[in-house]
N, C-alpha and C. Protein backbone atom coordinates (compact mmCIF):
# COMPACT_ATOMS: atom_id res chain seq x y z
N MET A 1 0.83 -1.21 0.00
CA MET A 1 0.00 0.00 0.00
C MET A 1 0.86 1.26 0.00
N ILE A 2 2.04 1.17 0.61
CA ILE A 2 2.93 2.33 0.70
C ILE A 2 3.41 2.77 -0.67
N ASP A 3 3.37 1.84 -1.66
CA ASP A 3 3.79 2.18 -3.02
C ASP A 3 2.89 3.24 -3.64
N GLY A 4 1.65 3.34 -3.18
CA GLY A 4 0.75 4.36 -3.68
C GLY A 4 1.14 5.76 -3.23
N LEU A 5 2.02 5.83 -2.23
CA LEU A 5 2.49 7.10 -1.69
C LEU A 5 3.85 7.50 -2.26
N GLY A 6 4.35 6.70 -3.21
CA GLY A 6 5.65 7.00 -3.80
C GLY A 6 6.82 6.42 -3.04
N VAL A 7 6.55 5.44 -2.16
CA VAL A 7 7.60 4.78 -1.39
C VAL A 7 7.68 3.33 -1.86
N ALA A 8 8.83 2.92 -2.39
CA ALA A 8 8.98 1.57 -2.92
C ALA A 8 9.05 0.56 -1.78
N GLY A 9 8.18 -0.44 -1.83
CA GLY A 9 8.18 -1.49 -0.83
C GLY A 9 7.47 -2.71 -1.34
N TRP A 10 7.94 -3.89 -0.97
CA TRP A 10 7.28 -5.12 -1.40
C TRP A 10 7.51 -6.20 -0.35
N GLY A 11 6.70 -7.22 -0.40
CA GLY A 11 6.75 -8.28 0.60
C GLY A 11 7.88 -9.27 0.36
N VAL A 12 8.43 -9.79 1.44
CA VAL A 12 9.44 -10.85 1.36
C VAL A 12 9.03 -11.96 2.32
N GLY A 13 9.66 -13.11 2.17
CA GLY A 13 9.38 -14.23 3.06
C GLY A 13 10.01 -14.05 4.43
N GLY A 14 9.57 -14.88 5.37
CA GLY A 14 10.08 -14.78 6.74
C GLY A 14 11.57 -15.00 6.84
N ILE A 15 12.11 -15.97 6.09
CA ILE A 15 13.54 -16.25 6.16
C ILE A 15 14.35 -15.07 5.64
N GLU A 16 13.88 -14.48 4.53
CA GLU A 16 14.59 -13.33 3.97
C GLU A 16 14.56 -12.15 4.95
N ALA A 17 13.41 -11.93 5.58
CA ALA A 17 13.29 -10.82 6.53
C ALA A 17 14.21 -11.03 7.73
N GLU A 18 14.26 -12.26 8.25
CA GLU A 18 15.11 -12.54 9.40
C GLU A 18 16.59 -12.38 9.04
N ALA A 19 16.96 -12.84 7.85
CA ALA A 19 18.36 -12.71 7.44
C ALA A 19 18.76 -11.24 7.34
N THR A 20 17.88 -10.43 6.79
CA THR A 20 18.17 -9.00 6.66
C THR A 20 18.29 -8.35 8.04
N MET A 21 17.41 -8.72 8.97
CA MET A 21 17.46 -8.17 10.32
C MET A 21 18.78 -8.51 11.02
N LEU A 22 19.36 -9.66 10.64
CA LEU A 22 20.62 -10.09 11.25
C LEU A 22 21.83 -9.61 10.48
N GLY A 23 21.59 -8.75 9.49
CA GLY A 23 22.70 -8.17 8.75
C GLY A 23 23.24 -9.02 7.63
N GLN A 24 22.50 -10.07 7.25
CA GLN A 24 22.94 -10.94 6.17
C GLN A 24 22.44 -10.41 4.83
N PRO A 25 23.18 -10.68 3.76
CA PRO A 25 22.73 -10.21 2.43
C PRO A 25 21.52 -11.01 1.95
N MET A 26 20.71 -10.38 1.14
CA MET A 26 19.56 -11.04 0.54
C MET A 26 19.60 -10.79 -0.96
N SER A 27 19.55 -11.84 -1.73
CA SER A 27 19.60 -11.70 -3.19
C SER A 27 18.20 -11.87 -3.77
N MET A 28 17.98 -11.23 -4.90
CA MET A 28 16.70 -11.37 -5.60
C MET A 28 16.93 -11.11 -7.08
N VAL A 29 16.08 -11.72 -7.88
CA VAL A 29 16.14 -11.49 -9.32
C VAL A 29 15.56 -10.12 -9.62
N LEU A 30 16.28 -9.31 -10.39
CA LEU A 30 15.80 -7.98 -10.73
C LEU A 30 14.66 -8.10 -11.73
N PRO A 31 13.46 -7.69 -11.34
CA PRO A 31 12.32 -7.84 -12.25
C PRO A 31 12.30 -6.75 -13.31
N GLY A 32 11.51 -6.99 -14.34
CA GLY A 32 11.31 -5.96 -15.35
C GLY A 32 10.36 -4.89 -14.83
N VAL A 33 10.25 -3.83 -15.59
CA VAL A 33 9.37 -2.72 -15.21
C VAL A 33 8.38 -2.48 -16.35
N ILE A 34 7.11 -2.62 -16.04
CA ILE A 34 6.07 -2.36 -17.03
C ILE A 34 5.55 -0.95 -16.82
N GLY A 35 5.60 -0.15 -17.86
CA GLY A 35 4.98 1.17 -17.81
C GLY A 35 3.51 1.03 -18.13
N PHE A 36 2.65 1.45 -17.22
CA PHE A 36 1.20 1.34 -17.42
C PHE A 36 0.61 2.74 -17.43
N ASN A 37 0.21 3.19 -18.59
CA ASN A 37 -0.32 4.54 -18.74
C ASN A 37 -1.83 4.51 -18.54
N LEU A 38 -2.31 5.14 -17.48
CA LEU A 38 -3.74 5.21 -17.20
C LEU A 38 -4.24 6.60 -17.59
N ASP A 39 -4.95 6.66 -18.69
CA ASP A 39 -5.44 7.94 -19.22
C ASP A 39 -6.86 8.22 -18.75
N GLY A 40 -7.22 9.49 -18.70
CA GLY A 40 -8.61 9.87 -18.47
C GLY A 40 -9.03 9.81 -17.02
N LYS A 41 -10.31 9.57 -16.80
CA LYS A 41 -10.91 9.62 -15.47
C LYS A 41 -11.96 8.53 -15.32
N LEU A 42 -12.01 7.92 -14.13
CA LEU A 42 -13.02 6.90 -13.87
C LEU A 42 -14.42 7.52 -13.87
N LYS A 43 -15.38 6.79 -14.41
CA LYS A 43 -16.77 7.25 -14.42
C LYS A 43 -17.36 7.18 -13.02
N ASN A 44 -18.42 7.93 -12.79
CA ASN A 44 -19.11 7.89 -11.51
C ASN A 44 -19.60 6.47 -11.24
N GLY A 45 -19.40 6.00 -10.02
CA GLY A 45 -19.83 4.66 -9.66
C GLY A 45 -18.79 3.59 -9.88
N VAL A 46 -17.70 3.92 -10.54
CA VAL A 46 -16.61 2.97 -10.78
C VAL A 46 -15.56 3.16 -9.69
N THR A 47 -15.15 2.08 -9.06
CA THR A 47 -14.22 2.15 -7.93
C THR A 47 -12.82 1.72 -8.33
N ALA A 48 -11.88 1.95 -7.41
CA ALA A 48 -10.50 1.51 -7.65
C ALA A 48 -10.42 0.00 -7.75
N THR A 49 -11.31 -0.72 -7.06
CA THR A 49 -11.33 -2.18 -7.16
C THR A 49 -11.71 -2.62 -8.56
N ASP A 50 -12.68 -1.94 -9.17
CA ASP A 50 -13.03 -2.24 -10.57
C ASP A 50 -11.82 -2.04 -11.48
N LEU A 51 -11.06 -0.98 -11.21
CA LEU A 51 -9.87 -0.71 -12.01
C LEU A 51 -8.83 -1.81 -11.82
N VAL A 52 -8.62 -2.25 -10.58
CA VAL A 52 -7.65 -3.30 -10.31
C VAL A 52 -8.02 -4.59 -11.03
N LEU A 53 -9.30 -4.97 -10.99
CA LEU A 53 -9.72 -6.20 -11.66
C LEU A 53 -9.53 -6.09 -13.17
N THR A 54 -9.73 -4.89 -13.72
CA THR A 54 -9.50 -4.69 -15.15
C THR A 54 -8.01 -4.78 -15.47
N VAL A 55 -7.18 -4.14 -14.64
CA VAL A 55 -5.73 -4.22 -14.82
C VAL A 55 -5.26 -5.67 -14.71
N THR A 56 -5.82 -6.41 -13.76
CA THR A 56 -5.46 -7.82 -13.57
C THR A 56 -5.73 -8.62 -14.82
N GLN A 57 -6.90 -8.43 -15.40
CA GLN A 57 -7.25 -9.17 -16.61
C GLN A 57 -6.34 -8.81 -17.78
N ILE A 58 -6.06 -7.52 -17.93
CA ILE A 58 -5.19 -7.07 -19.02
C ILE A 58 -3.78 -7.63 -18.84
N LYS A 59 -3.28 -7.56 -17.62
CA LYS A 59 -1.92 -8.02 -17.34
C LYS A 59 -1.78 -9.51 -17.62
N VAL A 60 -2.74 -10.30 -17.15
CA VAL A 60 -2.67 -11.74 -17.37
C VAL A 60 -2.85 -12.05 -18.84
N PHE A 61 -3.76 -11.34 -19.51
CA PHE A 61 -3.97 -11.55 -20.94
C PHE A 61 -2.69 -11.34 -21.73
N ASN A 62 -1.89 -10.36 -21.33
CA ASN A 62 -0.68 -10.03 -22.07
C ASN A 62 0.51 -10.91 -21.71
N TYR A 63 0.53 -11.47 -20.49
CA TYR A 63 1.77 -12.09 -20.04
C TYR A 63 1.67 -13.53 -19.56
N ILE A 64 0.50 -14.10 -19.48
CA ILE A 64 0.41 -15.42 -18.88
C ILE A 64 1.15 -16.47 -19.70
N GLN A 65 1.21 -16.29 -21.02
CA GLN A 65 1.90 -17.27 -21.85
C GLN A 65 3.41 -17.19 -21.69
N ASP A 66 3.92 -16.04 -21.26
CA ASP A 66 5.36 -15.88 -21.07
C ASP A 66 5.77 -16.09 -19.61
N PHE A 67 4.79 -16.28 -18.73
CA PHE A 67 5.04 -16.50 -17.30
C PHE A 67 5.84 -15.36 -16.68
N LYS A 68 5.63 -14.16 -17.17
CA LYS A 68 6.31 -12.99 -16.60
C LYS A 68 5.46 -12.44 -15.46
N LEU A 69 5.43 -13.17 -14.37
CA LEU A 69 4.51 -12.81 -13.29
C LEU A 69 5.18 -12.05 -12.16
N ASP A 70 6.50 -12.18 -12.01
CA ASP A 70 7.16 -11.50 -10.90
C ASP A 70 7.77 -10.20 -11.42
N ILE A 71 6.96 -9.17 -11.53
CA ILE A 71 7.41 -7.93 -12.16
C ILE A 71 6.96 -6.73 -11.34
N PHE A 72 7.58 -5.62 -11.57
CA PHE A 72 7.10 -4.35 -11.04
C PHE A 72 6.09 -3.78 -12.01
N LEU A 73 5.06 -3.20 -11.50
CA LEU A 73 4.13 -2.44 -12.33
C LEU A 73 4.31 -0.98 -11.98
N HIS A 74 5.02 -0.28 -12.80
CA HIS A 74 5.31 1.14 -12.53
C HIS A 74 4.21 1.96 -13.18
N VAL A 75 3.33 2.50 -12.39
CA VAL A 75 2.20 3.25 -12.92
C VAL A 75 2.53 4.73 -12.88
N SER A 76 2.50 5.38 -14.01
CA SER A 76 2.79 6.80 -14.07
C SER A 76 1.97 7.43 -15.18
N GLU A 77 2.40 8.59 -15.67
CA GLU A 77 1.78 9.27 -16.80
C GLU A 77 0.39 9.82 -16.45
N ASP A 78 0.34 11.09 -16.14
CA ASP A 78 -0.93 11.81 -15.94
C ASP A 78 -1.84 11.12 -14.93
N MET A 79 -1.34 10.95 -13.70
CA MET A 79 -2.10 10.25 -12.67
C MET A 79 -2.88 11.20 -11.78
N GLY A 80 -2.96 12.46 -12.16
CA GLY A 80 -3.58 13.46 -11.30
C GLY A 80 -5.05 13.23 -11.01
N GLU A 81 -5.73 12.40 -11.80
CA GLU A 81 -7.15 12.16 -11.59
C GLU A 81 -7.42 11.09 -10.53
N LEU A 82 -6.41 10.34 -10.13
CA LEU A 82 -6.60 9.27 -9.15
C LEU A 82 -6.25 9.78 -7.75
N SER A 83 -7.16 9.59 -6.81
CA SER A 83 -6.91 10.01 -5.43
C SER A 83 -5.87 9.12 -4.79
N LEU A 84 -5.33 9.56 -3.66
CA LEU A 84 -4.35 8.75 -2.94
C LEU A 84 -4.98 7.45 -2.46
N ALA A 85 -6.26 7.51 -2.04
CA ALA A 85 -6.94 6.29 -1.60
C ALA A 85 -7.05 5.28 -2.73
N ASP A 86 -7.36 5.75 -3.94
CA ASP A 86 -7.44 4.85 -5.09
C ASP A 86 -6.07 4.27 -5.41
N ARG A 87 -5.05 5.09 -5.35
CA ARG A 87 -3.69 4.61 -5.63
C ARG A 87 -3.27 3.55 -4.62
N ALA A 88 -3.59 3.79 -3.35
CA ALA A 88 -3.23 2.82 -2.31
C ALA A 88 -3.95 1.50 -2.53
N THR A 89 -5.21 1.56 -2.97
CA THR A 89 -5.96 0.34 -3.26
C THR A 89 -5.30 -0.44 -4.39
N ILE A 90 -4.95 0.26 -5.46
CA ILE A 90 -4.30 -0.39 -6.60
C ILE A 90 -2.96 -0.98 -6.20
N ALA A 91 -2.17 -0.23 -5.44
CA ALA A 91 -0.87 -0.72 -5.00
C ALA A 91 -1.00 -1.92 -4.07
N ASN A 92 -2.00 -1.88 -3.19
CA ASN A 92 -2.19 -2.94 -2.21
C ASN A 92 -2.58 -4.26 -2.86
N MET A 93 -3.18 -4.20 -4.05
CA MET A 93 -3.64 -5.41 -4.73
C MET A 93 -2.68 -5.84 -5.83
N SER A 94 -1.41 -5.45 -5.71
CA SER A 94 -0.44 -5.79 -6.76
C SER A 94 -0.30 -7.29 -6.94
N ARG A 95 -0.43 -8.06 -5.88
CA ARG A 95 -0.32 -9.51 -6.01
C ARG A 95 -1.45 -10.08 -6.86
N GLU A 96 -2.62 -9.43 -6.81
CA GLU A 96 -3.74 -9.90 -7.62
C GLU A 96 -3.41 -9.80 -9.11
N TYR A 97 -2.68 -8.75 -9.51
CA TYR A 97 -2.33 -8.66 -10.92
C TYR A 97 -0.90 -9.13 -11.20
N GLY A 98 -0.36 -9.91 -10.27
CA GLY A 98 0.88 -10.63 -10.53
C GLY A 98 2.14 -9.80 -10.50
N ALA A 99 2.11 -8.66 -9.83
CA ALA A 99 3.30 -7.80 -9.81
C ALA A 99 3.95 -7.81 -8.43
N THR A 100 5.25 -7.57 -8.41
CA THR A 100 5.95 -7.43 -7.14
C THR A 100 5.45 -6.20 -6.40
N MET A 101 5.22 -5.13 -7.13
CA MET A 101 4.62 -3.94 -6.54
C MET A 101 4.00 -3.08 -7.62
N GLY A 102 3.03 -2.27 -7.24
CA GLY A 102 2.43 -1.28 -8.13
C GLY A 102 2.80 0.09 -7.61
N PHE A 103 3.66 0.80 -8.31
CA PHE A 103 4.29 2.01 -7.79
C PHE A 103 3.73 3.26 -8.45
N PHE A 104 3.38 4.25 -7.64
CA PHE A 104 2.96 5.56 -8.12
C PHE A 104 3.99 6.59 -7.70
N PRO A 105 4.57 7.35 -8.62
CA PRO A 105 5.54 8.38 -8.24
C PRO A 105 4.87 9.53 -7.50
N VAL A 106 5.66 10.28 -6.77
CA VAL A 106 5.14 11.41 -5.99
C VAL A 106 4.74 12.55 -6.93
N ASP A 107 3.56 13.10 -6.71
CA ASP A 107 3.10 14.27 -7.47
C ASP A 107 2.30 15.17 -6.53
N HIS A 108 1.53 16.10 -7.09
CA HIS A 108 0.80 17.05 -6.25
C HIS A 108 -0.26 16.37 -5.38
N VAL A 109 -0.80 15.24 -5.85
CA VAL A 109 -1.79 14.51 -5.04
C VAL A 109 -1.13 13.96 -3.78
N THR A 110 0.09 13.46 -3.92
CA THR A 110 0.83 12.95 -2.76
C THR A 110 1.08 14.07 -1.75
N LEU A 111 1.47 15.23 -2.24
CA LEU A 111 1.74 16.36 -1.35
C LEU A 111 0.47 16.81 -0.63
N GLN A 112 -0.66 16.80 -1.33
CA GLN A 112 -1.93 17.15 -0.69
C GLN A 112 -2.26 16.18 0.43
N TYR A 113 -1.97 14.90 0.21
CA TYR A 113 -2.22 13.89 1.24
C TYR A 113 -1.34 14.16 2.47
N LEU A 114 -0.10 14.51 2.25
CA LEU A 114 0.80 14.80 3.37
C LEU A 114 0.27 15.97 4.20
N LYS A 115 -0.27 16.98 3.53
CA LYS A 115 -0.83 18.13 4.25
C LYS A 115 -2.08 17.72 5.03
N LEU A 116 -2.93 16.89 4.41
CA LEU A 116 -4.16 16.45 5.07
C LEU A 116 -3.89 15.60 6.30
N THR A 117 -2.73 14.93 6.32
CA THR A 117 -2.40 14.06 7.45
C THR A 117 -1.50 14.75 8.47
N GLY A 118 -1.46 16.09 8.44
CA GLY A 118 -0.84 16.83 9.52
C GLY A 118 0.58 17.29 9.31
N ARG A 119 1.17 17.05 8.14
CA ARG A 119 2.52 17.56 7.91
C ARG A 119 2.48 19.07 7.71
N SER A 120 3.47 19.75 8.23
CA SER A 120 3.50 21.21 8.12
C SER A 120 3.84 21.62 6.69
N ASP A 121 3.50 22.86 6.36
CA ASP A 121 3.82 23.38 5.03
C ASP A 121 5.32 23.36 4.78
N GLU A 122 6.10 23.62 5.84
CA GLU A 122 7.56 23.63 5.69
C GLU A 122 8.07 22.22 5.36
N THR A 123 7.52 21.21 6.04
CA THR A 123 7.94 19.84 5.78
C THR A 123 7.58 19.41 4.37
N VAL A 124 6.36 19.72 3.95
CA VAL A 124 5.92 19.35 2.60
C VAL A 124 6.76 20.06 1.55
N ALA A 125 7.07 21.33 1.77
CA ALA A 125 7.90 22.08 0.83
C ALA A 125 9.30 21.48 0.74
N MET A 126 9.84 21.04 1.89
CA MET A 126 11.16 20.42 1.89
C MET A 126 11.15 19.11 1.11
N ILE A 127 10.09 18.31 1.30
CA ILE A 127 9.97 17.04 0.58
C ILE A 127 9.89 17.29 -0.93
N GLU A 128 9.07 18.26 -1.32
CA GLU A 128 8.94 18.56 -2.75
C GLU A 128 10.26 19.03 -3.34
N ALA A 129 10.96 19.92 -2.62
CA ALA A 129 12.23 20.44 -3.12
C ALA A 129 13.26 19.32 -3.27
N TYR A 130 13.31 18.42 -2.30
CA TYR A 130 14.26 17.30 -2.36
C TYR A 130 13.96 16.39 -3.55
N LEU A 131 12.68 16.04 -3.72
CA LEU A 131 12.31 15.14 -4.81
C LEU A 131 12.54 15.79 -6.18
N ARG A 132 12.24 17.07 -6.28
CA ARG A 132 12.49 17.77 -7.55
C ARG A 132 13.98 17.80 -7.87
N ALA A 133 14.81 18.05 -6.86
CA ALA A 133 16.25 18.12 -7.07
C ALA A 133 16.82 16.79 -7.53
N ASN A 134 16.14 15.69 -7.16
CA ASN A 134 16.62 14.36 -7.53
C ASN A 134 15.81 13.74 -8.67
N ASN A 135 15.03 14.58 -9.37
CA ASN A 135 14.22 14.12 -10.51
C ASN A 135 13.28 12.97 -10.13
N MET A 136 12.70 13.07 -8.94
CA MET A 136 11.78 12.03 -8.46
C MET A 136 10.37 12.56 -8.27
N PHE A 137 10.12 13.79 -8.68
CA PHE A 137 8.80 14.39 -8.54
C PHE A 137 8.18 14.54 -9.92
N ILE A 138 6.90 14.18 -10.04
CA ILE A 138 6.19 14.29 -11.31
C ILE A 138 5.34 15.55 -11.31
N ASP A 139 5.64 16.45 -12.23
CA ASP A 139 4.84 17.67 -12.41
C ASP A 139 4.24 17.61 -13.80
N TYR A 140 2.91 17.41 -13.86
CA TYR A 140 2.26 17.18 -15.15
C TYR A 140 2.20 18.43 -16.01
N SER A 141 2.51 19.58 -15.43
CA SER A 141 2.52 20.82 -16.22
C SER A 141 3.85 21.03 -16.93
N GLU A 142 4.81 20.14 -16.66
CA GLU A 142 6.13 20.26 -17.28
C GLU A 142 6.38 19.08 -18.21
N PRO A 143 7.21 19.26 -19.23
CA PRO A 143 7.56 18.14 -20.11
C PRO A 143 8.22 17.02 -19.31
N GLN A 144 7.82 15.78 -19.59
CA GLN A 144 8.36 14.64 -18.85
C GLN A 144 9.49 13.99 -19.65
N PRO A 145 10.58 13.64 -18.98
CA PRO A 145 11.66 12.94 -19.69
C PRO A 145 11.19 11.57 -20.17
N GLU A 146 11.73 11.13 -21.27
CA GLU A 146 11.34 9.83 -21.82
C GLU A 146 11.82 8.73 -20.90
N LYS A 147 10.94 7.78 -20.63
CA LYS A 147 11.27 6.66 -19.74
C LYS A 147 11.36 5.37 -20.55
N THR A 148 12.22 4.48 -20.11
CA THR A 148 12.40 3.20 -20.78
C THR A 148 11.83 2.09 -19.90
N TYR A 149 10.95 1.27 -20.47
CA TYR A 149 10.33 0.18 -19.73
C TYR A 149 10.62 -1.15 -20.43
N SER A 150 10.48 -2.23 -19.67
CA SER A 150 10.60 -3.56 -20.26
C SER A 150 9.48 -3.78 -21.27
N SER A 151 8.32 -3.26 -20.96
CA SER A 151 7.17 -3.29 -21.86
C SER A 151 6.21 -2.19 -21.43
N TYR A 152 5.18 -1.98 -22.22
CA TYR A 152 4.32 -0.82 -22.00
C TYR A 152 2.87 -1.18 -22.30
N LEU A 153 1.97 -0.78 -21.40
CA LEU A 153 0.54 -1.00 -21.58
C LEU A 153 -0.20 0.30 -21.37
N GLN A 154 -1.41 0.37 -21.86
CA GLN A 154 -2.20 1.60 -21.75
C GLN A 154 -3.66 1.25 -21.54
N LEU A 155 -4.35 2.08 -20.74
CA LEU A 155 -5.77 1.86 -20.47
C LEU A 155 -6.47 3.20 -20.33
N ASP A 156 -7.60 3.33 -20.99
CA ASP A 156 -8.45 4.51 -20.85
C ASP A 156 -9.37 4.29 -19.65
N LEU A 157 -9.21 5.08 -18.59
CA LEU A 157 -9.99 4.89 -17.37
C LEU A 157 -11.49 5.02 -17.61
N SER A 158 -11.88 5.79 -18.61
CA SER A 158 -13.31 5.98 -18.87
C SER A 158 -13.97 4.71 -19.40
N GLU A 159 -13.17 3.72 -19.83
CA GLU A 159 -13.71 2.47 -20.35
C GLU A 159 -13.90 1.42 -19.26
N VAL A 160 -13.39 1.68 -18.06
CA VAL A 160 -13.53 0.72 -16.97
C VAL A 160 -14.97 0.69 -16.48
N GLU A 161 -15.52 -0.51 -16.33
CA GLU A 161 -16.90 -0.69 -15.90
C GLU A 161 -16.94 -1.39 -14.54
N PRO A 162 -18.03 -1.18 -13.76
CA PRO A 162 -18.19 -1.94 -12.52
C PRO A 162 -18.15 -3.43 -12.81
N CYS A 163 -17.46 -4.19 -11.98
CA CYS A 163 -17.28 -5.60 -12.28
C CYS A 163 -17.01 -6.39 -11.01
N ILE A 164 -17.04 -7.70 -11.18
CA ILE A 164 -16.65 -8.64 -10.13
C ILE A 164 -15.66 -9.61 -10.77
N SER A 165 -15.12 -10.52 -9.99
CA SER A 165 -14.24 -11.53 -10.56
C SER A 165 -14.56 -12.88 -9.94
N GLY A 166 -14.18 -13.91 -10.64
CA GLY A 166 -14.39 -15.24 -10.09
C GLY A 166 -15.11 -16.17 -11.06
N PRO A 167 -15.48 -17.33 -10.56
CA PRO A 167 -15.54 -17.67 -9.13
C PRO A 167 -14.23 -18.12 -8.49
N LYS A 168 -13.14 -18.24 -9.28
CA LYS A 168 -11.92 -18.80 -8.71
C LYS A 168 -10.73 -17.86 -8.74
N ARG A 169 -10.55 -17.15 -9.86
CA ARG A 169 -9.31 -16.39 -10.04
C ARG A 169 -9.61 -14.91 -10.19
N PRO A 170 -8.70 -14.05 -9.71
CA PRO A 170 -8.97 -12.61 -9.79
C PRO A 170 -9.02 -12.07 -11.20
N HIS A 171 -8.37 -12.75 -12.16
CA HIS A 171 -8.39 -12.24 -13.53
C HIS A 171 -9.61 -12.74 -14.31
N ASP A 172 -10.47 -13.53 -13.68
CA ASP A 172 -11.73 -13.93 -14.33
C ASP A 172 -12.76 -12.83 -14.12
N ARG A 173 -12.54 -11.73 -14.79
CA ARG A 173 -13.35 -10.53 -14.62
C ARG A 173 -14.71 -10.68 -15.29
N VAL A 174 -15.75 -10.22 -14.58
CA VAL A 174 -17.12 -10.29 -15.11
C VAL A 174 -17.78 -8.92 -14.91
N PRO A 175 -18.15 -8.22 -15.99
CA PRO A 175 -18.90 -6.97 -15.84
C PRO A 175 -20.22 -7.22 -15.11
N LEU A 176 -20.67 -6.27 -14.31
CA LEU A 176 -21.90 -6.47 -13.54
C LEU A 176 -23.10 -6.77 -14.42
N ASN A 177 -23.15 -6.17 -15.62
CA ASN A 177 -24.30 -6.42 -16.49
C ASN A 177 -24.28 -7.81 -17.11
N GLU A 178 -23.19 -8.56 -16.92
CA GLU A 178 -23.12 -9.94 -17.40
C GLU A 178 -23.11 -10.94 -16.26
N MET A 179 -23.29 -10.46 -15.03
CA MET A 179 -23.15 -11.32 -13.86
C MET A 179 -24.13 -12.48 -13.87
N LYS A 180 -25.40 -12.21 -14.20
CA LYS A 180 -26.41 -13.26 -14.18
C LYS A 180 -26.09 -14.37 -15.17
N VAL A 181 -25.76 -13.98 -16.39
CA VAL A 181 -25.43 -14.97 -17.42
C VAL A 181 -24.20 -15.76 -17.02
N ASP A 182 -23.18 -15.07 -16.50
CA ASP A 182 -21.95 -15.75 -16.10
C ASP A 182 -22.20 -16.71 -14.95
N TRP A 183 -23.06 -16.31 -14.02
CA TRP A 183 -23.37 -17.18 -12.88
C TRP A 183 -24.01 -18.48 -13.35
N HIS A 184 -24.98 -18.38 -14.24
CA HIS A 184 -25.62 -19.59 -14.76
C HIS A 184 -24.62 -20.44 -15.55
N SER A 185 -23.73 -19.78 -16.28
CA SER A 185 -22.73 -20.52 -17.05
C SER A 185 -21.80 -21.30 -16.12
N CYS A 186 -21.36 -20.66 -15.04
CA CYS A 186 -20.49 -21.34 -14.08
C CYS A 186 -21.23 -22.47 -13.37
N LEU A 187 -22.53 -22.28 -13.14
CA LEU A 187 -23.32 -23.29 -12.44
C LEU A 187 -23.56 -24.51 -13.31
N ASP A 188 -23.80 -24.28 -14.60
CA ASP A 188 -24.17 -25.38 -15.50
C ASP A 188 -22.98 -26.14 -16.05
N ASN A 189 -21.84 -25.47 -16.20
CA ASN A 189 -20.67 -26.13 -16.80
C ASN A 189 -19.93 -26.97 -15.77
N LYS A 190 -19.15 -27.93 -16.26
CA LYS A 190 -18.39 -28.76 -15.34
C LYS A 190 -17.29 -27.92 -14.68
N VAL A 191 -16.81 -28.41 -13.56
CA VAL A 191 -15.81 -27.67 -12.80
C VAL A 191 -14.54 -27.49 -13.63
N GLY A 192 -14.01 -26.29 -13.63
CA GLY A 192 -12.81 -25.98 -14.39
C GLY A 192 -12.51 -24.50 -14.33
N PHE A 193 -11.60 -24.07 -15.15
CA PHE A 193 -11.23 -22.66 -15.19
C PHE A 193 -11.76 -22.02 -16.46
N LYS A 194 -12.13 -20.77 -16.34
CA LYS A 194 -12.53 -20.02 -17.54
C LYS A 194 -11.30 -19.80 -18.42
N VAL A 195 -11.52 -19.80 -19.71
CA VAL A 195 -10.41 -19.59 -20.63
C VAL A 195 -10.59 -18.34 -21.46
N ARG A 196 -11.74 -17.69 -21.34
CA ARG A 196 -11.99 -16.52 -22.16
C ARG A 196 -11.36 -15.29 -21.54
N PHE A 197 -10.88 -14.40 -22.37
CA PHE A 197 -10.37 -13.12 -21.93
C PHE A 197 -11.06 -12.02 -22.73
N ARG A 198 -11.36 -10.95 -22.08
CA ARG A 198 -11.99 -9.81 -22.75
C ARG A 198 -10.88 -8.83 -23.13
N SER A 199 -10.41 -8.94 -24.37
CA SER A 199 -9.21 -8.21 -24.79
C SER A 199 -9.48 -6.84 -25.37
N SER A 200 -10.74 -6.41 -25.41
CA SER A 200 -11.05 -5.14 -26.05
C SER A 200 -10.45 -3.94 -25.32
N LEU A 201 -10.10 -4.13 -24.04
CA LEU A 201 -9.55 -3.02 -23.26
C LEU A 201 -8.05 -2.89 -23.41
N VAL A 202 -7.43 -3.88 -24.04
CA VAL A 202 -5.98 -3.88 -24.14
C VAL A 202 -5.53 -2.96 -25.26
N ALA A 203 -4.61 -2.04 -24.94
CA ALA A 203 -4.11 -1.12 -25.95
C ALA A 203 -3.09 -1.83 -26.83
């Protein structure tokens, strides 16, 4: 969840955590970085959970055949329309879409959150100045330097619809208006996994 605040963090196993606490080195495979451009704005009634389930389906649709499941999902590019709460929800569910973490860089929304949670104007100004000096702050009013990713995906937020997932896997996304038909289909068919993917949202 902390990744939604612009702080990189991800889960490790108990043995790795204990070794690190005791000063021992911990090795890990360096994952790739997927640039995920989220354009536009969510429609009224659409939640961050709906967005996560859509991202999960798109991610699995693009990568399940290559088994590229242990990756960072670096979410950037014009994120000013997503609240900090929405970002935290998306970051917290990174395991659902198969990523090591879902990271949002610091921008004006992050600074507003710091002010709302009691940080002084001086502290927030210092944080912004430090991040700007180290090219770690995103200002959407300024030209952005070109970034290099392992791969790149794009989604128009206005196309995200209210949905559920299941009955077994998070990437088995079902739009609410298809829930009844899907429920009967799952009930009538023999036990197994769905194989269909709704690829119309994939850029």
